[in-house]
Amino acid sequence: MSRFFKFSLIVALGLSMLFGVSETVEAKVKVEVSNYESFKLFEAQSGIDVRDELVKMRERFQVQLENSVDDKIINQILLQIEQINNSLTLINDLEYQFISKNESVTTSSLIGLNCNDHITQAALIIAYFNSKGYSLAAELLNYAFINNSRSTVYNLNSTHVSKIYGTSWFATINGKYPVSGSNRFTSGDLYYAINKFNFGPNSSYGYIDLIDLTDIYDYAYDQSYPTIQGVAVNAMVWAQSAGCLVPYTVKATLKTK
């Protein structure tokens, strides 16, 4: 389900400076990384060290990798780590451009030159989520920039599934089978990561007490917020339009009592 995020004003202001936002809601965000000073201004305003947050994410994935036995989860983790490394390389390039005043420096080996700016911008949002403890929101956005197919299914690990088990929504359907429908999460990590979702019976394993929760991870242009507050969402819309952020399905298999 398309993401609609409400960021704090100070973070949105920092994003708007980096993204080059015009004054009107109708005008598109100018999708280009400004200079390193704008990047550092974002960090100063938000109190977030972007690279430090990305490194923390990478370390978390490395621990998960050591403890994972499911091939699907392992492959997802490897891609997550690869994309974090891509983002860190681009940020380091941005810094080097500023220090050396060499605007021609770039990393040609990444997804594509046209996507580098989008990836760097997304890194700020990912770092923001991670700094607030929204690990799933950070994870899903990071993955969207290394995913290359709309048919991809991203399976949530046990840590994130546990978050769903703790929601008031799950309490209402637990012990009931079959159940199906749609709902939404209204707060915390699950709100920023998933928000609206569908659910229904799972028959893959031959059990009668499993349900699948699914969500299409994508973005849609939103005019309901003031320009500054809508910057992050709309910037990701144009990343998606450019083919740099590729939507995919998020899936969690839940066991009811």
C-alpha atoms as a PDB file:
ATOM      1  CA  MET A   1       0.000   0.000   0.000  1.00  0.00           C
ATOM      2  CA  SER A   2       1.344   3.434  -0.906  1.00  0.00           C
ATOM      3  CA  ARG A   3       3.276   5.086   1.866  1.00  0.00           C
ATOM      4  CA  PHE A   4       2.169   8.348   3.495  1.00  0.00           C
ATOM      5  CA  PHE A   5       4.652   9.473   6.128  1.00  0.00           C
ATOM      6  CA  LYS A   6       4.494  12.308   8.641  1.00  0.00           C
ATOM      7  CA  PHE A   7       7.994  13.475   9.463  1.00  0.00           C
ATOM      8  CA  SER A   8       8.951  15.948  12.152  1.00  0.00           C
ATOM      9  CA  LEU A   9       9.251  19.485  10.833  1.00  0.00           C
ATOM     10  CA  ILE A  10      12.983  19.777  11.458  1.00  0.00           C
ATOM     11  CA  VAL A  11      13.744  16.577   9.529  1.00  0.00           C
ATOM     12  CA  ALA A  12      11.418  17.565   6.688  1.00  0.00           C
ATOM     13  CA  LEU A  13      13.111  20.949   6.486  1.00  0.00           C
ATOM     14  CA  GLY A  14      16.474  19.255   6.225  1.00  0.00           C
ATOM     15  CA  LEU A  15      15.178  16.973   3.498  1.00  0.00           C
ATOM     16  CA  SER A  16      13.675  19.906   1.625  1.00  0.00           C
ATOM     17  CA  MET A  17      17.018  21.693   1.592  1.00  0.00           C
ATOM     18  CA  LEU A  18      18.791  18.659   0.245  1.00  0.00           C
ATOM     19  CA  PHE A  19      16.091  17.862  -2.311  1.00  0.00           C
ATOM     20  CA  GLY A  20      15.608  21.441  -3.543  1.00  0.00           C
ATOM     21  CA  VAL A  21      11.875  21.885  -2.909  1.00  0.00           C
ATOM     22  CA  SER A  22       9.888  24.616  -4.621  1.00  0.00           C
ATOM     23  CA  GLU A  23       7.288  26.619  -2.701  1.00  0.00           C
ATOM     24  CA  THR A  24       4.176  25.122  -4.312  1.00  0.00           C
ATOM     25  CA  VAL A  25       2.585  21.786  -3.565  1.00  0.00           C
ATOM     26  CA  GLU A  26       2.015  21.168  -7.255  1.00  0.00           C
ATOM     27  CA  ALA A  27       5.666  21.578  -8.215  1.00  0.00           C
ATOM     28  CA  LYS A  28       7.754  18.442  -8.324  1.00  0.00           C
ATOM     29  CA  VAL A  29      10.655  17.956  -5.981  1.00  0.00           C
ATOM     30  CA  LYS A  30      13.872  18.683  -7.784  1.00  0.00           C
ATOM     31  CA  VAL A  31      15.524  15.271  -7.730  1.00  0.00           C
ATOM     32  CA  GLU A  32      19.215  16.066  -7.449  1.00  0.00           C
ATOM     33  CA  VAL A  33      21.625  15.873  -4.592  1.00  0.00           C
ATOM     34  CA  SER A  34      22.779  19.359  -3.703  1.00  0.00           C
ATOM     35  CA  ASN A  35      26.231  19.678  -2.193  1.00  0.00           C
ATOM     36  CA  TYR A  36      27.866  18.101   0.784  1.00  0.00           C
ATOM     37  CA  GLU A  37      27.109  21.185   2.876  1.00  0.00           C
ATOM     38  CA  SER A  38      23.376  20.569   2.423  1.00  0.00           C
ATOM     39  CA  PHE A  39      23.884  16.946   3.413  1.00  0.00           C
ATOM     40  CA  LYS A  40      25.712  17.984   6.574  1.00  0.00           C
ATOM     41  CA  LEU A  41      23.044  20.595   7.275  1.00  0.00           C
ATOM     42  CA  PHE A  42      20.460  17.824   7.281  1.00  0.00           C
ATOM     43  CA  GLU A  43      22.561  15.918   9.798  1.00  0.00           C
ATOM     44  CA  ALA A  44      23.001  18.993  11.984  1.00  0.00           C
ATOM     45  CA  GLN A  45      19.283  19.804  11.998  1.00  0.00           C
ATOM     46  CA  SER A  46      18.100  16.263  12.593  1.00  0.00           C
ATOM     47  CA  GLY A  47      20.867  15.185  14.935  1.00  0.00           C
ATOM     48  CA  ILE A  48      21.342  12.092  12.789  1.00  0.00           C
ATOM     49  CA  ASP A  49      24.678  10.744  11.598  1.00  0.00           C
ATOM     50  CA  VAL A  50      23.506   9.110   8.385  1.00  0.00           C
ATOM     51  CA  ARG A  51      26.532   6.889   7.822  1.00  0.00           C
ATOM     52  CA  ASP A  52      26.559   5.798  11.440  1.00  0.00           C
ATOM     53  CA  GLU A  53      22.906   4.711  11.203  1.00  0.00           C
ATOM     54  CA  LEU A  54      23.588   2.803   7.992  1.00  0.00           C
ATOM     55  CA  VAL A  55      26.532   1.036   9.610  1.00  0.00           C
ATOM     56  CA  LYS A  56      24.321   0.098  12.577  1.00  0.00           C
ATOM     57  CA  MET A  57      21.808  -1.384  10.139  1.00  0.00           C
ATOM     58  CA  ARG A  58      24.546  -3.338   8.382  1.00  0.00           C
ATOM     59  CA  GLU A  59      25.821  -4.717  11.685  1.00  0.00           C
ATOM     60  CA  ARG A  60      22.290  -5.784  12.602  1.00  0.00           C
ATOM     61  CA  PHE A  61      21.949  -7.632   9.307  1.00  0.00           C
ATOM     62  CA  GLN A  62      25.328  -9.288   9.782  1.00  0.00           C
ATOM     63  CA  VAL A  63      24.177 -10.675  13.132  1.00  0.00           C
ATOM     64  CA  GLN A  64      20.955 -11.895  11.517  1.00  0.00           C
ATOM     65  CA  LEU A  65      22.984 -13.551   8.769  1.00  0.00           C
ATOM     66  CA  GLU A  66      24.973 -15.549  11.309  1.00  0.00           C
ATOM     67  CA  ASN A  67      21.773 -16.812  12.932  1.00  0.00           C
ATOM     68  CA  SER A  68      19.642 -17.474   9.841  1.00  0.00           C
ATOM     69  CA  VAL A  69      19.037 -20.876   8.258  1.00  0.00           C
ATOM     70  CA  ASP A  70      16.204 -19.968   5.869  1.00  0.00           C
ATOM     71  CA  ASP A  71      17.642 -19.488   2.364  1.00  0.00           C
ATOM     72  CA  LYS A  72      15.026 -16.886   1.458  1.00  0.00           C
ATOM     73  CA  ILE A  73      15.853 -14.767   4.503  1.00  0.00           C
ATOM     74  CA  ILE A  74      19.595 -15.201   3.918  1.00  0.00           C
ATOM     75  CA  ASN A  75      19.295 -13.942   0.330  1.00  0.00           C
ATOM     76  CA  GLN A  76      17.266 -10.951   1.498  1.00  0.00           C
ATOM     77  CA  ILE A  77      19.889 -10.094   4.114  1.00  0.00           C
ATOM     78  CA  LEU A  78      22.733 -10.301   1.589  1.00  0.00           C
ATOM     79  CA  LEU A  79      20.903  -7.873  -0.698  1.00  0.00           C
ATOM     80  CA  GLN A  80      20.215  -5.540   2.226  1.00  0.00           C
ATOM     81  CA  ILE A  81      23.914  -5.434   3.096  1.00  0.00           C
ATOM     82  CA  GLU A  82      24.849  -4.861  -0.542  1.00  0.00           C
ATOM     83  CA  GLN A  83      22.479  -1.911  -0.823  1.00  0.00           C
ATOM     84  CA  ILE A  84      23.728  -0.359   2.418  1.00  0.00           C
ATOM     85  CA  ASN A  85      27.262  -0.584   1.037  1.00  0.00           C
ATOM     86  CA  ASN A  86      26.052   1.092  -2.176  1.00  0.00           C
ATOM     87  CA  SER A  87      24.581   3.966  -0.178  1.00  0.00           C
ATOM     88  CA  LEU A  88      27.694   4.391   1.953  1.00  0.00           C
ATOM     89  CA  THR A  89      29.867   4.506  -1.163  1.00  0.00           C
ATOM     90  CA  LEU A  90      27.698   7.192  -2.727  1.00  0.00           C
ATOM     91  CA  ILE A  91      27.738   9.304   0.437  1.00  0.00           C
ATOM     92  CA  ASN A  92      31.525   8.996   0.623  1.00  0.00           C
ATOM     93  CA  ASP A  93      31.689  10.087  -3.023  1.00  0.00           C
ATOM     94  CA  LEU A  94      29.542  13.101  -2.202  1.00  0.00           C
ATOM     95  CA  GLU A  95      31.954  14.039   0.569  1.00  0.00           C
ATOM     96  CA  TYR A  96      34.955  13.597  -1.695  1.00  0.00           C
ATOM     97  CA  GLN A  97      33.362  15.789  -4.355  1.00  0.00           C
ATOM     98  CA  PHE A  98      32.992  18.536  -1.786  1.00  0.00           C
ATOM     99  CA  ILE A  99      36.516  18.198  -0.392  1.00  0.00           C
ATOM    100  CA  SER A 100      38.224  17.943  -3.763  1.00  0.00           C
ATOM    101  CA  LYS A 101      35.784  20.244  -5.601  1.00  0.00           C
ATOM    102  CA  ASN A 102      35.707  17.551  -8.254  1.00  0.00           C
ATOM    103  CA  GLU A 103      32.087  17.406  -9.445  1.00  0.00           C
ATOM    104  CA  SER A 104      32.904  14.652 -11.951  1.00  0.00           C
ATOM    105  CA  VAL A 105      33.587  12.022  -9.282  1.00  0.00           C
ATOM    106  CA  THR A 106      30.991   9.283  -9.332  1.00  0.00           C
ATOM    107  CA  THR A 107      30.567   5.570  -8.742  1.00  0.00           C
ATOM    108  CA  SER A 108      29.699   4.028 -12.094  1.00  0.00           C
ATOM    109  CA  SER A 109      29.500   0.471 -10.803  1.00  0.00           C
ATOM    110  CA  LEU A 110      26.260   0.999  -8.877  1.00  0.00           C
ATOM    111  CA  ILE A 111      22.674   0.564 -10.067  1.00  0.00           C
ATOM    112  CA  GLY A 112      22.984   3.374 -12.576  1.00  0.00           C
ATOM    113  CA  LEU A 113      24.082   6.962 -12.689  1.00  0.00           C
ATOM    114  CA  ASN A 114      20.485   8.165 -12.940  1.00  0.00           C
ATOM    115  CA  CYS A 115      19.640   6.370  -9.685  1.00  0.00           C
ATOM    116  CA  ASN A 116      22.569   7.550  -7.579  1.00  0.00           C
ATOM    117  CA  ASP A 117      20.866  10.765  -6.487  1.00  0.00           C
ATOM    118  CA  HIS A 118      17.690   8.905  -5.521  1.00  0.00           C
ATOM    119  CA  ILE A 119      19.679   6.358  -3.506  1.00  0.00           C
ATOM    120  CA  THR A 120      21.532   9.081  -1.623  1.00  0.00           C
ATOM    121  CA  GLN A 121      18.293  10.889  -0.822  1.00  0.00           C
ATOM    122  CA  ALA A 122      16.654   7.677   0.360  1.00  0.00           C
ATOM    123  CA  ALA A 123      19.629   7.029   2.645  1.00  0.00           C
ATOM    124  CA  LEU A 124      18.616  10.064   4.704  1.00  0.00           C
ATOM    125  CA  ILE A 125      15.101   8.715   5.197  1.00  0.00           C
ATOM    126  CA  ILE A 126      16.420   5.238   5.970  1.00  0.00           C
ATOM    127  CA  ALA A 127      18.804   6.697   8.548  1.00  0.00           C
ATOM    128  CA  TYR A 128      15.942   8.698  10.070  1.00  0.00           C
ATOM    129  CA  PHE A 129      13.784   5.581  10.437  1.00  0.00           C
ATOM    130  CA  ASN A 130      16.638   3.582  11.921  1.00  0.00           C
ATOM    131  CA  SER A 131      17.477   6.319  14.417  1.00  0.00           C
ATOM    132  CA  LYS A 132      13.871   6.296  15.649  1.00  0.00           C
ATOM    133  CA  GLY A 133      13.837   2.522  16.107  1.00  0.00           C
ATOM    134  CA  TYR A 134      11.696   1.918  13.018  1.00  0.00           C
ATOM    135  CA  SER A 135      13.885  -0.950  11.834  1.00  0.00           C
ATOM    136  CA  LEU A 136      11.310  -2.516   9.502  1.00  0.00           C
ATOM    137  CA  ALA A 137      10.525   0.810   7.829  1.00  0.00           C
ATOM    138  CA  ALA A 138      14.251   1.347   7.248  1.00  0.00           C
ATOM    139  CA  GLU A 139      14.665  -2.215   6.001  1.00  0.00           C
ATOM    140  CA  LEU A 140      11.829  -2.123   3.476  1.00  0.00           C
ATOM    141  CA  LEU A 141      12.860   1.212   1.973  1.00  0.00           C
ATOM    142  CA  ASN A 142      16.477   0.085   1.684  1.00  0.00           C
ATOM    143  CA  TYR A 143      15.407  -3.121  -0.049  1.00  0.00           C
ATOM    144  CA  ALA A 144      13.266  -1.246  -2.579  1.00  0.00           C
ATOM    145  CA  PHE A 145      16.413   0.251  -4.105  1.00  0.00           C
ATOM    146  CA  ILE A 146      18.092  -3.089  -4.803  1.00  0.00           C
ATOM    147  CA  ASN A 147      14.958  -4.993  -5.776  1.00  0.00           C
ATOM    148  CA  ASN A 148      14.609  -5.401  -9.535  1.00  0.00           C
ATOM    149  CA  SER A 149      11.235  -7.080  -9.966  1.00  0.00           C
ATOM    150  CA  ARG A 150       7.660  -6.206  -9.034  1.00  0.00           C
ATOM    151  CA  SER A 151       7.006  -9.918  -8.548  1.00  0.00           C
ATOM    152  CA  THR A 152       9.477 -10.145  -5.657  1.00  0.00           C
ATOM    153  CA  VAL A 153       8.033 -11.376  -2.353  1.00  0.00           C
ATOM    154  CA  TYR A 154       9.872 -10.136   0.739  1.00  0.00           C
ATOM    155  CA  ASN A 155       9.314 -12.425   3.714  1.00  0.00           C
ATOM    156  CA  LEU A 156       9.400 -10.829   7.157  1.00  0.00           C
ATOM    157  CA  ASN A 157      11.693 -12.448   9.690  1.00  0.00           C
ATOM    158  CA  SER A 158      10.580 -13.652  13.113  1.00  0.00           C
ATOM    159  CA  THR A 159      11.498 -10.366  14.813  1.00  0.00           C
ATOM    160  CA  HIS A 160       9.154  -8.359  12.614  1.00  0.00           C
ATOM    161  CA  VAL A 161       6.444 -11.038  12.721  1.00  0.00           C
ATOM    162  CA  SER A 162       6.552 -10.752  16.527  1.00  0.00           C
ATOM    163  CA  LYS A 163       5.679  -7.066  16.201  1.00  0.00           C
ATOM    164  CA  ILE A 164       2.529  -8.054  14.318  1.00  0.00           C
ATOM    165  CA  TYR A 165       1.615 -10.620  16.976  1.00  0.00           C
ATOM    166  CA  GLY A 166       1.672  -7.798  19.518  1.00  0.00           C
ATOM    167  CA  THR A 167      -0.859  -5.591  17.733  1.00  0.00           C
ATOM    168  CA  SER A 168      -4.487  -5.030  18.668  1.00  0.00           C
ATOM    169  CA  TRP A 169      -5.461  -6.145  15.148  1.00  0.00           C
ATOM    170  CA  PHE A 170      -3.944  -9.596  15.612  1.00  0.00           C
ATOM    171  CA  ALA A 171      -5.684  -9.945  18.974  1.00  0.00           C
ATOM    172  CA  THR A 172      -9.028  -9.551  17.204  1.00  0.00           C
ATOM    173  CA  ILE A 173      -8.386 -12.357  14.702  1.00  0.00           C
ATOM    174  CA  ASN A 174      -6.275 -14.698  16.798  1.00  0.00           C
ATOM    175  CA  GLY A 175      -7.970 -18.073  17.213  1.00  0.00           C
ATOM    176  CA  LYS A 176     -10.325 -17.451  14.318  1.00  0.00           C
ATOM    177  CA  TYR A 177     -10.046 -19.343  11.042  1.00  0.00           C
ATOM    178  CA  PRO A 178     -10.612 -18.798   8.245  1.00  0.00           C
ATOM    179  CA  VAL A 179     -10.339 -15.021   8.298  1.00  0.00           C
ATOM    180  CA  SER A 180      -9.675 -12.555   5.504  1.00  0.00           C
ATOM    181  CA  GLY A 181      -9.989  -8.874   4.786  1.00  0.00           C
ATOM    182  CA  SER A 182      -7.963  -5.700   5.046  1.00  0.00           C
ATOM    183  CA  ASN A 183      -6.853  -3.431   7.855  1.00  0.00           C
ATOM    184  CA  ARG A 184      -4.135  -0.976   8.778  1.00  0.00           C
ATOM    185  CA  PHE A 185      -1.537  -0.335  11.427  1.00  0.00           C
ATOM    186  CA  THR A 186      -1.854   3.100  12.976  1.00  0.00           C
ATOM    187  CA  SER A 187       1.352   3.695  14.908  1.00  0.00           C
ATOM    188  CA  GLY A 188       5.006   2.839  15.289  1.00  0.00           C
ATOM    189  CA  ASP A 189       7.257   0.855  12.997  1.00  0.00           C
ATOM    190  CA  LEU A 190       4.438  -1.124  11.383  1.00  0.00           C
ATOM    191  CA  TYR A 191       2.624   2.096  10.466  1.00  0.00           C
ATOM    192  CA  TYR A 192       5.637   3.528   8.657  1.00  0.00           C
ATOM    193  CA  ALA A 193       6.638   0.201   7.123  1.00  0.00           C
ATOM    194  CA  ILE A 194       3.298  -1.336   6.111  1.00  0.00           C
ATOM    195  CA  ASN A 195       0.297   0.816   7.062  1.00  0.00           C
ATOM    196  CA  LYS A 196      -2.569  -0.764   5.073  1.00  0.00           C
ATOM    197  CA  PHE A 197      -2.534  -4.492   4.369  1.00  0.00           C
ATOM    198  CA  ASN A 198      -4.592  -7.489   3.259  1.00  0.00           C
ATOM    199  CA  PHE A 199      -4.841 -10.856   5.010  1.00  0.00           C
ATOM    200  CA  GLY A 200      -6.256 -14.284   4.267  1.00  0.00           C
ATOM    201  CA  PRO A 201      -5.763 -18.046   4.700  1.00  0.00           C
ATOM    202  CA  ASN A 202      -2.443 -19.670   3.855  1.00  0.00           C
ATOM    203  CA  SER A 203      -2.584 -23.184   2.398  1.00  0.00           C
ATOM    204  CA  SER A 204       1.066 -23.612   1.436  1.00  0.00           C
ATOM    205  CA  TYR A 205       1.906 -25.836   4.369  1.00  0.00           C
ATOM    206  CA  GLY A 206      -1.351 -27.750   4.603  1.00  0.00           C
ATOM    207  CA  TYR A 207      -2.240 -26.242   7.971  1.00  0.00           C
ATOM    208  CA  ILE A 208      -5.582 -24.682   8.797  1.00  0.00           C
ATOM    209  CA  ASP A 209      -4.359 -22.118  11.310  1.00  0.00           C
ATOM    210  CA  LEU A 210      -1.991 -20.013   9.182  1.00  0.00           C
ATOM    211  CA  ILE A 211      -2.841 -16.679   7.593  1.00  0.00           C
ATOM    212  CA  ASP A 212      -0.814 -14.486   5.269  1.00  0.00           C
ATOM    213  CA  LEU A 213      -0.546 -10.741   5.720  1.00  0.00           C
ATOM    214  CA  THR A 214       0.489  -9.013   2.489  1.00  0.00           C
ATOM    215  CA  ASP A 215       1.212  -5.478   1.384  1.00  0.00           C
ATOM    216  CA  ILE A 216       2.498  -3.939  -1.851  1.00  0.00           C
ATOM    217  CA  TYR A 217       5.448  -1.732  -0.939  1.00  0.00           C
ATOM    218  CA  ASP A 218       5.130   1.279  -3.211  1.00  0.00           C
ATOM    219  CA  TYR A 219       4.685   5.041  -3.171  1.00  0.00           C
ATOM    220  CA  ALA A 220       2.035   7.408  -4.538  1.00  0.00           C
ATOM    221  CA  TYR A 221       2.178  11.173  -4.909  1.00  0.00           C
ATOM    222  CA  ASP A 222       0.466  12.882  -1.996  1.00  0.00           C
ATOM    223  CA  GLN A 223      -0.863  16.452  -1.824  1.00  0.00           C
ATOM    224  CA  SER A 224      -2.490  16.155   1.586  1.00  0.00           C
ATOM    225  CA  TYR A 225       0.549  17.446   3.484  1.00  0.00           C
ATOM    226  CA  PRO A 226       2.162  20.883   3.218  1.00  0.00           C
ATOM    227  CA  THR A 227       5.034  20.887   0.745  1.00  0.00           C
ATOM    228  CA  ILE A 228       7.809  20.466   3.301  1.00  0.00           C
ATOM    229  CA  GLN A 229       6.118  17.561   5.078  1.00  0.00           C
ATOM    230  CA  GLY A 230       5.409  15.800   1.808  1.00  0.00           C
ATOM    231  CA  VAL A 231       8.982  16.042   0.565  1.00  0.00           C
ATOM    232  CA  ALA A 232      10.146  12.583   1.605  1.00  0.00           C
ATOM    233  CA  VAL A 233       7.109  10.764   0.231  1.00  0.00           C
ATOM    234  CA  ASN A 234       7.053  12.603  -3.066  1.00  0.00           C
ATOM    235  CA  ALA A 235      10.809  12.261  -3.583  1.00  0.00           C
ATOM    236  CA  MET A 236      10.361   8.493  -3.348  1.00  0.00           C
ATOM    237  CA  VAL A 237       7.481   8.713  -5.847  1.00  0.00           C
ATOM    238  CA  TRP A 238       9.867  10.141  -8.430  1.00  0.00           C
ATOM    239  CA  ALA A 239      12.494   7.560  -7.529  1.00  0.00           C
ATOM    240  CA  GLN A 240       9.831   4.937  -8.259  1.00  0.00           C
ATOM    241  CA  SER A 241       8.842   6.674 -11.502  1.00  0.00           C
ATOM    242  CA  ALA A 242      12.477   6.629 -12.597  1.00  0.00           C
ATOM    243  CA  GLY A 243      12.661   2.885 -11.982  1.00  0.00           C
ATOM    244  CA  CYS A 244      15.167   3.291  -9.145  1.00  0.00           C
ATOM    245  CA  LEU A 245      12.734   2.212  -6.422  1.00  0.00           C
ATOM    246  CA  VAL A 246      10.963  -0.979  -7.526  1.00  0.00           C
ATOM    247  CA  PRO A 247       7.720  -1.964  -5.707  1.00  0.00           C
ATOM    248  CA  TYR A 248       7.399  -5.464  -4.304  1.00  0.00           C
ATOM    249  CA  THR A 249       5.168  -7.580  -2.054  1.00  0.00           C
ATOM    250  CA  VAL A 250       5.787  -7.775   1.683  1.00  0.00           C
ATOM    251  CA  LYS A 251       4.552 -10.980   3.300  1.00  0.00           C
ATOM    252  CA  ALA A 252       4.214 -12.258   6.848  1.00  0.00           C
ATOM    253  CA  THR A 253       2.859 -15.730   7.638  1.00  0.00           C
ATOM    254  CA  LEU A 254       1.073 -15.755  10.997  1.00  0.00           C
ATOM    255  CA  LYS A 255      -0.066 -18.665  13.141  1.00  0.00           C
ATOM    256  CA  THR A 256      -3.373 -18.306  14.937  1.00  0.00           C
ATOM    257  CA  LYS A 257      -4.167 -20.259  18.081  1.00  0.00           C
END
